[in-house]
C-alpha atoms as a PDB file:
ATOM      1  CA  MET A   1      95.697 119.908  59.803  1.00  0.00           C
ATOM      2  CA  LEU A   2      96.733 116.830  61.751  1.00  0.00           C
ATOM      3  CA  ASP A   3     100.191 116.535  63.238  1.00  0.00           C
ATOM      4  CA  ALA A   4     102.644 114.115  61.862  1.00  0.00           C
ATOM      5  CA  SER A   5     102.978 112.410  65.423  1.00  0.00           C
ATOM      6  CA  LEU A   6      99.288 111.985  65.696  1.00  0.00           C
ATOM      7  CA  ILE A   7      98.981 110.156  62.371  1.00  0.00           C
ATOM      8  CA  TYR A   8     101.849 107.918  63.374  1.00  0.00           C
ATOM      9  CA  ILE A   9     100.076 107.336  66.705  1.00  0.00           C
ATOM     10  CA  GLY A  10      96.805 106.481  64.748  1.00  0.00           C
ATOM     11  CA  ALA A  11      98.481 104.246  62.387  1.00  0.00           C
ATOM     12  CA  VAL A  12     100.388 102.419  65.079  1.00  0.00           C
ATOM     13  CA  PHE A  13      97.136 101.729  67.030  1.00  0.00           C
ATOM     14  CA  ALA A  14      95.263 100.623  64.045  1.00  0.00           C
ATOM     15  CA  LEU A  15      98.064  98.173  63.101  1.00  0.00           C
ATOM     16  CA  ALA A  16      98.267  96.869  66.694  1.00  0.00           C
ATOM     17  CA  GLY A  17      94.447  96.542  66.718  1.00  0.00           C
ATOM     18  CA  PHE A  18      94.735  94.488  63.764  1.00  0.00           C
ATOM     19  CA  VAL A  19      97.393  92.265  65.090  1.00  0.00           C
ATOM     20  CA  LYS A  20      95.373  91.648  68.238  1.00  0.00           C
ATOM     21  CA  GLY A  21      92.039  90.788  66.147  1.00  0.00           C
ATOM     22  CA  ALA A  22      94.208  88.456  64.035  1.00  0.00           C
ATOM     23  CA  ILE A  23      95.902  86.425  66.413  1.00  0.00           C
ATOM     24  CA  GLY A  24      94.481  87.049  69.949  1.00  0.00           C
ATOM     25  CA  LEU A  25      97.231  89.214  71.439  1.00  0.00           C
ATOM     26  CA  GLY A  26      99.798  91.704  70.394  1.00  0.00           C
ATOM     27  CA  LEU A  27      98.250  95.299  71.035  1.00  0.00           C
ATOM     28  CA  PRO A  28     100.650  96.381  73.796  1.00  0.00           C
ATOM     29  CA  THR A  29     103.487  94.616  72.423  1.00  0.00           C
ATOM     30  CA  VAL A  30     103.223  96.298  68.643  1.00  0.00           C
ATOM     31  CA  SER A  31     101.990  99.664  70.224  1.00  0.00           C
ATOM     32  CA  MET A  32     104.749  99.929  72.800  1.00  0.00           C
ATOM     33  CA  GLY A  33     107.535  98.831  70.243  1.00  0.00           C
ATOM     34  CA  LEU A  34     106.616 101.250  67.639  1.00  0.00           C
ATOM     35  CA  LEU A  35     105.874 104.102  69.798  1.00  0.00           C
ATOM     36  CA  ALA A  36     109.020 103.754  71.889  1.00  0.00           C
ATOM     37  CA  ILE A  37     110.928 104.870  68.627  1.00  0.00           C
ATOM     38  CA  VAL A  38     109.557 108.373  68.931  1.00  0.00           C
ATOM     39  CA  MET A  39     108.683 108.796  72.430  1.00  0.00           C
ATOM     40  CA  LEU A  40     109.633 107.786  76.237  1.00  0.00           C
ATOM     41  CA  PRO A  41     107.973 104.606  77.514  1.00  0.00           C
ATOM     42  CA  VAL A  42     106.208 106.140  80.058  1.00  0.00           C
ATOM     43  CA  GLU A  43     104.605 108.572  77.734  1.00  0.00           C
ATOM     44  CA  ALA A  44     103.634 105.641  75.492  1.00  0.00           C
ATOM     45  CA  ALA A  45     101.965 103.706  78.288  1.00  0.00           C
ATOM     46  CA  ALA A  46     100.040 106.548  79.029  1.00  0.00           C
ATOM     47  CA  ILE A  47      98.542 106.459  75.560  1.00  0.00           C
ATOM     48  CA  LEU A  48      98.092 102.568  75.777  1.00  0.00           C
ATOM     49  CA  ILE A  49      96.407 102.291  78.846  1.00  0.00           C
ATOM     50  CA  LEU A  50      92.795 103.084  77.648  1.00  0.00           C
ATOM     51  CA  PRO A  51      92.867 101.008  74.287  1.00  0.00           C
ATOM     52  CA  SER A  52      94.554  98.108  76.248  1.00  0.00           C
ATOM     53  CA  PHE A  53      92.155  97.983  78.924  1.00  0.00           C
ATOM     54  CA  VAL A  54      89.019  98.249  76.912  1.00  0.00           C
ATOM     55  CA  THR A  55      90.026  95.747  74.166  1.00  0.00           C
ATOM     56  CA  ASN A  56      91.319  93.260  76.789  1.00  0.00           C
ATOM     57  CA  VAL A  57      88.216  93.580  78.825  1.00  0.00           C
ATOM     58  CA  TRP A  58      86.252  92.640  75.636  1.00  0.00           C
ATOM     59  CA  GLN A  59      88.606  89.547  75.090  1.00  0.00           C
ATOM     60  CA  MET A  60      88.478  88.564  78.800  1.00  0.00           C
ATOM     61  CA  LEU A  61      84.380  88.627  78.824  1.00  0.00           C
ATOM     62  CA  ALA A  62      84.068  86.766  75.517  1.00  0.00           C
ATOM     63  CA  GLY A  63      83.761  83.106  76.339  1.00  0.00           C
ATOM     64  CA  PRO A  64      82.107  80.687  79.156  1.00  0.00           C
ATOM     65  CA  SER A  65      85.017  80.053  81.362  1.00  0.00           C
ATOM     66  CA  LEU A  66      86.222  83.286  83.143  1.00  0.00           C
ATOM     67  CA  GLY A  67      85.200  82.071  86.718  1.00  0.00           C
ATOM     68  CA  GLY A  68      87.131  78.962  86.351  1.00  0.00           C
ATOM     69  CA  VAL A  69      90.034  80.843  84.843  1.00  0.00           C
ATOM     70  CA  ILE A  70      90.067  83.502  87.709  1.00  0.00           C
ATOM     71  CA  GLY A  71      89.855  80.856  90.429  1.00  0.00           C
ATOM     72  CA  ARG A  72      92.976  78.786  88.469  1.00  0.00           C
ATOM     73  CA  LEU A  73      95.089  82.079  87.846  1.00  0.00           C
ATOM     74  CA  TRP A  74      94.451  84.428  90.768  1.00  0.00           C
ATOM     75  CA  PRO A  75      97.569  83.861  92.649  1.00  0.00           C
ATOM     76  CA  MET A  76      99.575  84.743  89.338  1.00  0.00           C
ATOM     77  CA  MET A  77      97.474  87.835  88.813  1.00  0.00           C
ATOM     78  CA  LEU A  78      97.917  89.227  92.507  1.00  0.00           C
ATOM     79  CA  ALA A  79     101.745  88.487  92.124  1.00  0.00           C
ATOM     80  CA  SER A  80     101.650  90.236  88.565  1.00  0.00           C
ATOM     81  CA  CYS A  81     100.274  93.361  90.498  1.00  0.00           C
ATOM     82  CA  VAL A  82     102.771  93.290  93.355  1.00  0.00           C
ATOM     83  CA  GLY A  83     105.630  92.919  90.679  1.00  0.00           C
ATOM     84  CA  THR A  84     104.472  95.897  88.716  1.00  0.00           C
ATOM     85  CA  TRP A  85     104.193  98.474  91.757  1.00  0.00           C
ATOM     86  CA  THR A  86     107.520  97.144  93.107  1.00  0.00           C
ATOM     87  CA  GLY A  87     109.072  98.447  89.763  1.00  0.00           C
ATOM     88  CA  ILE A  88     107.385 102.050  89.904  1.00  0.00           C
ATOM     89  CA  GLY A  89     109.906 104.501  88.698  1.00  0.00           C
ATOM     90  CA  LEU A  90     111.808 102.110  86.357  1.00  0.00           C
ATOM     91  CA  MET A  91     110.383 103.568  83.185  1.00  0.00           C
ATOM     92  CA  ALA A  92     110.856 107.193  83.972  1.00  0.00           C
ATOM     93  CA  GLY A  93     113.468 109.677  84.463  1.00  0.00           C
ATOM     94  CA  ALA A  94     117.327 108.398  84.022  1.00  0.00           C
ATOM     95  CA  THR A  95     116.330 104.568  83.639  1.00  0.00           C
ATOM     96  CA  ALA A  96     113.953 105.578  80.937  1.00  0.00           C
ATOM     97  CA  ARG A  97     116.869 104.667  78.288  1.00  0.00           C
ATOM     98  CA  TYR A  98     117.273 101.256  79.786  1.00  0.00           C
ATOM     99  CA  GLY A  99     113.650 100.559  79.845  1.00  0.00           C
ATOM    100  CA  THR A 100     113.532 100.883  75.916  1.00  0.00           C
ATOM    101  CA  ALA A 101     116.675  98.502  76.011  1.00  0.00           C
ATOM    102  CA  PHE A 102     114.572  95.995  78.057  1.00  0.00           C
ATOM    103  CA  LEU A 103     111.487  96.442  75.736  1.00  0.00           C
ATOM    104  CA  GLY A 104     113.510  95.550  72.893  1.00  0.00           C
ATOM    105  CA  ILE A 105     115.158  92.533  74.467  1.00  0.00           C
ATOM    106  CA  ALA A 106     111.524  91.443  75.670  1.00  0.00           C
ATOM    107  CA  LEU A 107     110.095  91.781  72.010  1.00  0.00           C
ATOM    108  CA  ALA A 108     112.992  89.773  70.792  1.00  0.00           C
ATOM    109  CA  LEU A 109     112.623  86.965  73.333  1.00  0.00           C
ATOM    110  CA  TYR A 110     108.938  86.783  72.837  1.00  0.00           C
ATOM    111  CA  ALA A 111     109.336  86.490  69.117  1.00  0.00           C
ATOM    112  CA  VAL A 112     111.798  83.767  69.343  1.00  0.00           C
ATOM    113  CA  THR A 113     109.305  81.841  71.363  1.00  0.00           C
ATOM    114  CA  GLY A 114     106.695  82.469  68.941  1.00  0.00           C
ATOM    115  CA  PHE A 115     108.668  82.119  65.647  1.00  0.00           C
ATOM    116  CA  THR A 116     110.129  79.110  66.726  1.00  0.00           C
ATOM    117  CA  ASP A 117     107.203  77.540  67.875  1.00  0.00           C
ATOM    118  CA  ALA A 118     108.674  76.170  71.165  1.00  0.00           C
ATOM    119  CA  ARG A 119     106.047  74.529  73.621  1.00  0.00           C
ATOM    120  CA  VAL A 120     106.732  73.759  77.415  1.00  0.00           C
ATOM    121  CA  LYS A 121     104.350  71.455  79.462  1.00  0.00           C
ATOM    122  CA  ILE A 122     104.074  72.554  83.143  1.00  0.00           C
ATOM    123  CA  PRO A 123     102.387  70.046  85.460  1.00  0.00           C
ATOM    124  CA  ASN A 124      99.407  71.103  87.572  1.00  0.00           C
ATOM    125  CA  THR A 125     101.332  70.199  90.538  1.00  0.00           C
ATOM    126  CA  TRP A 126     103.953  73.001  89.756  1.00  0.00           C
ATOM    127  CA  GLU A 127     101.199  75.837  88.990  1.00  0.00           C
ATOM    128  CA  SER A 128     101.142  77.114  92.862  1.00  0.00           C
ATOM    129  CA  LEU A 129     104.996  77.856  92.714  1.00  0.00           C
ATOM    130  CA  LEU A 130     105.559  78.470  88.838  1.00  0.00           C
ATOM    131  CA  GLY A 131     102.285  80.664  88.692  1.00  0.00           C
ATOM    132  CA  PRO A 132     103.482  83.599  90.869  1.00  0.00           C
ATOM    133  CA  MET A 133     106.586  83.295  89.931  1.00  0.00           C
ATOM    134  CA  ALA A 134     105.520  84.158  86.365  1.00  0.00           C
ATOM    135  CA  GLY A 135     103.303  86.687  87.591  1.00  0.00           C
ATOM    136  CA  ALA A 136     106.012  88.739  89.439  1.00  0.00           C
ATOM    137  CA  ILE A 137     108.647  88.635  86.585  1.00  0.00           C
ATOM    138  CA  THR A 138     105.877  89.593  84.128  1.00  0.00           C
ATOM    139  CA  GLY A 139     105.032  92.545  86.517  1.00  0.00           C
ATOM    140  CA  ILE A 140     108.538  93.740  86.786  1.00  0.00           C
ATOM    141  CA  ILE A 141     109.091  93.544  83.027  1.00  0.00           C
ATOM    142  CA  THR A 142     105.918  95.446  82.588  1.00  0.00           C
ATOM    143  CA  ALA A 143     107.135  98.311  85.200  1.00  0.00           C
ATOM    144  CA  ALA A 144     110.173  98.538  83.052  1.00  0.00           C
ATOM    145  CA  THR A 145     108.946  98.237  79.516  1.00  0.00           C
ATOM    146  CA  GLY A 146     104.834  98.392  79.362  1.00  0.00           C
ATOM    147  CA  VAL A 147     104.797  95.058  77.784  1.00  0.00           C
ATOM    148  CA  PHE A 148     103.314  92.244  79.688  1.00  0.00           C
ATOM    149  CA  VAL A 149     103.696  89.051  77.412  1.00  0.00           C
ATOM    150  CA  ILE A 150     106.954  87.711  79.130  1.00  0.00           C
ATOM    151  CA  PRO A 151     106.815  85.295  80.630  1.00  0.00           C
ATOM    152  CA  ALA A 152     102.844  85.453  81.221  1.00  0.00           C
ATOM    153  CA  VAL A 153     102.208  84.387  77.541  1.00  0.00           C
ATOM    154  CA  PRO A 154     104.675  81.268  77.418  1.00  0.00           C
ATOM    155  CA  TYR A 155     103.396  80.490  80.985  1.00  0.00           C
ATOM    156  CA  LEU A 156      99.757  80.266  80.056  1.00  0.00           C
ATOM    157  CA  GLN A 157     100.324  78.513  76.716  1.00  0.00           C
ATOM    158  CA  ALA A 158     102.085  75.863  78.883  1.00  0.00           C
ATOM    159  CA  ILE A 159      99.512  74.925  81.487  1.00  0.00           C
ATOM    160  CA  GLY A 160      97.206  72.969  79.254  1.00  0.00           C
ATOM    161  CA  LEU A 161      94.438  75.232  78.933  1.00  0.00           C
ATOM    162  CA  GLU A 162      91.930  74.869  76.110  1.00  0.00           C
ATOM    163  CA  LYS A 163      91.378  76.947  73.317  1.00  0.00           C
ATOM    164  CA  GLU A 164      88.725  79.342  74.919  1.00  0.00           C
ATOM    165  CA  GLU A 165      90.088  79.182  78.176  1.00  0.00           C
ATOM    166  CA  LEU A 166      93.588  80.239  76.756  1.00  0.00           C
ATOM    167  CA  VAL A 167      91.836  83.218  75.205  1.00  0.00           C
ATOM    168  CA  GLN A 168      90.063  84.031  78.220  1.00  0.00           C
ATOM    169  CA  ALA A 169      93.375  83.656  80.390  1.00  0.00           C
ATOM    170  CA  LEU A 170      95.289  85.943  78.139  1.00  0.00           C
ATOM    171  CA  GLY A 171      92.575  88.507  78.405  1.00  0.00           C
ATOM    172  CA  LEU A 172      92.327  88.293  82.131  1.00  0.00           C
ATOM    173  CA  SER A 173      96.178  88.481  82.240  1.00  0.00           C
ATOM    174  CA  PHE A 174      96.485  91.544  79.979  1.00  0.00           C
ATOM    175  CA  THR A 175      93.485  93.394  82.002  1.00  0.00           C
ATOM    176  CA  VAL A 176      95.140  93.023  85.280  1.00  0.00           C
ATOM    177  CA  SER A 177      98.430  94.051  83.921  1.00  0.00           C
ATOM    178  CA  THR A 178      96.983  97.078  82.529  1.00  0.00           C
ATOM    179  CA  VAL A 179      95.437  98.062  85.652  1.00  0.00           C
ATOM    180  CA  GLY A 180      98.667  97.535  87.496  1.00  0.00           C
ATOM    181  CA  LEU A 181     100.569  99.587  84.697  1.00  0.00           C
ATOM    182  CA  THR A 182      98.054 102.476  85.226  1.00  0.00           C
ATOM    183  CA  VAL A 183      99.082 103.020  88.922  1.00  0.00           C
ATOM    184  CA  ASN A 184     102.475 103.317  87.933  1.00  0.00           C
ATOM    185  CA  VAL A 185     102.026 105.521  85.039  1.00  0.00           C
ATOM    186  CA  SER A 186      99.836 107.818  87.425  1.00  0.00           C
ATOM    187  CA  VAL A 187     102.719 107.866  90.066  1.00  0.00           C
ATOM    188  CA  GLU A 188     105.323 108.625  87.626  1.00  0.00           C
ATOM    189  CA  GLY A 189     103.350 111.631  86.234  1.00  0.00           C
ATOM    190  CA  GLY A 190     102.581 110.012  82.688  1.00  0.00           C
ATOM    191  CA  LEU A 191      98.731 110.894  82.936  1.00  0.00           C
ATOM    192  CA  SER A 192      97.171 113.960  82.245  1.00  0.00           C
ATOM    193  CA  VAL A 193      94.445 115.625  80.516  1.00  0.00           C
ATOM    194  CA  SER A 194      96.613 116.322  77.408  1.00  0.00           C
ATOM    195  CA  VAL A 195      96.779 112.935  76.348  1.00  0.00           C
ATOM    196  CA  ALA A 196      92.910 112.132  76.413  1.00  0.00           C
ATOM    197  CA  ALA A 197      92.074 113.197  72.986  1.00  0.00           C
ATOM    198  CA  THR A 198      94.932 111.082  71.873  1.00  0.00           C
ATOM    199  CA  THR A 199      93.839 107.968  73.928  1.00  0.00           C
ATOM    200  CA  ILE A 200      90.420 108.217  72.725  1.00  0.00           C
ATOM    201  CA  ALA A 201      91.395 108.203  68.914  1.00  0.00           C
ATOM    202  CA  ALA A 202      93.923 105.457  69.832  1.00  0.00           C
ATOM    203  CA  LEU A 203      90.969 103.540  71.307  1.00  0.00           C
ATOM    204  CA  ALA A 204      88.878 103.957  68.405  1.00  0.00           C
ATOM    205  CA  LEU A 205      91.502 103.271  65.786  1.00  0.00           C
ATOM    206  CA  ALA A 206      92.551  99.930  67.889  1.00  0.00           C
ATOM    207  CA  CYS A 207      88.995  98.563  67.975  1.00  0.00           C
ATOM    208  CA  LEU A 208      88.542  99.462  64.016  1.00  0.00           C
ATOM    209  CA  GLY A 209      91.769  97.435  63.534  1.00  0.00           C
ATOM    210  CA  MET A 210      90.762  94.662  65.876  1.00  0.00           C
ATOM    211  CA  TRP A 211      87.544  94.113  63.863  1.00  0.00           C
ATOM    212  CA  ILE A 212      89.490  94.057  60.456  1.00  0.00           C
ATOM    213  CA  GLY A 213      91.984  91.702  61.984  1.00  0.00           C
ATOM    214  CA  GLN A 214      89.008  89.347  63.169  1.00  0.00           C
ATOM    215  CA  VAL A 215      87.719  89.397  59.319  1.00  0.00           C
ATOM    216  CA  ILE A 216      91.123  88.915  57.817  1.00  0.00           C
ATOM    217  CA  ARG A 217      91.954  86.106  60.137  1.00  0.00           C
ATOM    218  CA  LEU A 218      89.318  83.857  58.678  1.00  0.00           C
ATOM    219  CA  ARG A 219      90.935  84.322  55.417  1.00  0.00           C
ATOM    220  CA  LEU A 220      94.568  83.980  55.844  1.00  0.00           C
ATOM    221  CA  SER A 221      96.644  81.023  57.270  1.00  0.00           C
ATOM    222  CA  PRO A 222      97.303  81.537  60.916  1.00  0.00           C
ATOM    223  CA  VAL A 223     100.720  80.009  60.889  1.00  0.00           C
ATOM    224  CA  ALA A 224     101.976  82.443  57.851  1.00  0.00           C
ATOM    225  CA  PHE A 225     100.366  85.149  59.483  1.00  0.00           C
ATOM    226  CA  ARG A 226     102.043  84.221  63.001  1.00  0.00           C
ATOM    227  CA  ARG A 227     105.381  83.937  61.447  1.00  0.00           C
ATOM    228  CA  GLY A 228     105.262  87.212  59.540  1.00  0.00           C
ATOM    229  CA  PHE A 229     104.253  88.716  62.933  1.00  0.00           C
ATOM    230  CA  PHE A 230     107.053  87.254  65.146  1.00  0.00           C
ATOM    231  CA  MET A 231     109.786  87.790  62.612  1.00  0.00           C
ATOM    232  CA  GLY A 232     108.558  91.659  62.564  1.00  0.00           C
ATOM    233  CA  LEU A 233     108.687  91.605  66.425  1.00  0.00           C
ATOM    234  CA  LEU A 234     112.137  90.173  66.348  1.00  0.00           C
ATOM    235  CA  LEU A 235     113.495  92.434  64.011  1.00  0.00           C
ATOM    236  CA  LEU A 236     111.832  95.630  65.972  1.00  0.00           C
ATOM    237  CA  GLY A 237     113.140  94.268  69.288  1.00  0.00           C
ATOM    238  CA  MET A 238     116.681  94.097  68.053  1.00  0.00           C
ATOM    239  CA  TYR A 239     116.524  97.624  66.819  1.00  0.00           C
ATOM    240  CA  LEU A 240     115.005  99.236  70.016  1.00  0.00           C
ATOM    241  CA  ALA A 241     117.645  97.273  72.014  1.00  0.00           C
ATOM    242  CA  ALA A 242     120.772  98.072  69.690  1.00  0.00           C
ATOM    243  CA  ARG A 243     119.716 101.869  69.542  1.00  0.00           C
ATOM    244  CA  SER A 244     119.161 102.269  73.253  1.00  0.00           C
ATOM    245  CA  ILE A 245     122.546 100.472  74.284  1.00  0.00           C
ATOM    246  CA  PHE A 246     124.853 101.708  71.608  1.00  0.00           C
END
C-alpha cells in the first residue's frame, strides 16, 4: 500500500508538470511551494532535481536558436552558478525556516509580476551589466529556496527575445540553475539513495503531467489559465511566508 506522503509527492509533480506543459514554466515553483508544506526545502530540492533537469533540457533543446541564446546569456548563466554556490548552506540547518519564508515571498513576488502582466523593456546596451546581476541574485534565491524564477524570468522577458528564443532561454536558465542547485543539495547532504525511487516516480509523473498540459494548452485560453496559475501562486506564497514567519 502506498504511503500517503508518496501519493502527495506524486500528485504535486503531476500538477507541476501539467503547469509547465501548459505555460512553459512553473515545475520547480509549484513543486517546491507545495512540497515545502510537508518537508524541509532541502529535502524537496533533492526530489526536484531529476524531474527539473530532464524537463528543462527537453525545453532547452526544442528550437532552432540554442547557440545564439547561449552566446547572449552565458555571463548571466555563469553569475547564476556563482550566486547559487555562494549561498551553500542557506537551505539547510537553522536557516531552513527562513528559506521557506523566502520561498513564499519569492512565489508571491513572481505571482504579482505575472498576474499584473507587468512588462519592462531592457535596452541591449544594459545587458552586459544587468544580465550578471540578475543571474547572481537568482542564484542566491535558488540557494535559499530551490526556486529559480526571480528575477531570471522577468529579466528574460524584458530583453526582447522572440517567442522561440524565450522558450529556449528559459529552458537554458532553468537547466543551469538545476545543475548549480544539485551541487548545493549534495554538499548539504540532501542527496541519498533513499530518494532515488521517489525521484524516478516524480520524473515519470512530471513528464505525464507536462504532456497533458501541452494538450490542454491548445484548448484553453492562455490568458485565463495564466491568471488562475498566478493567483494560486500568490495565495500559496503568502501562506508559506506567513506560516514560517509567524
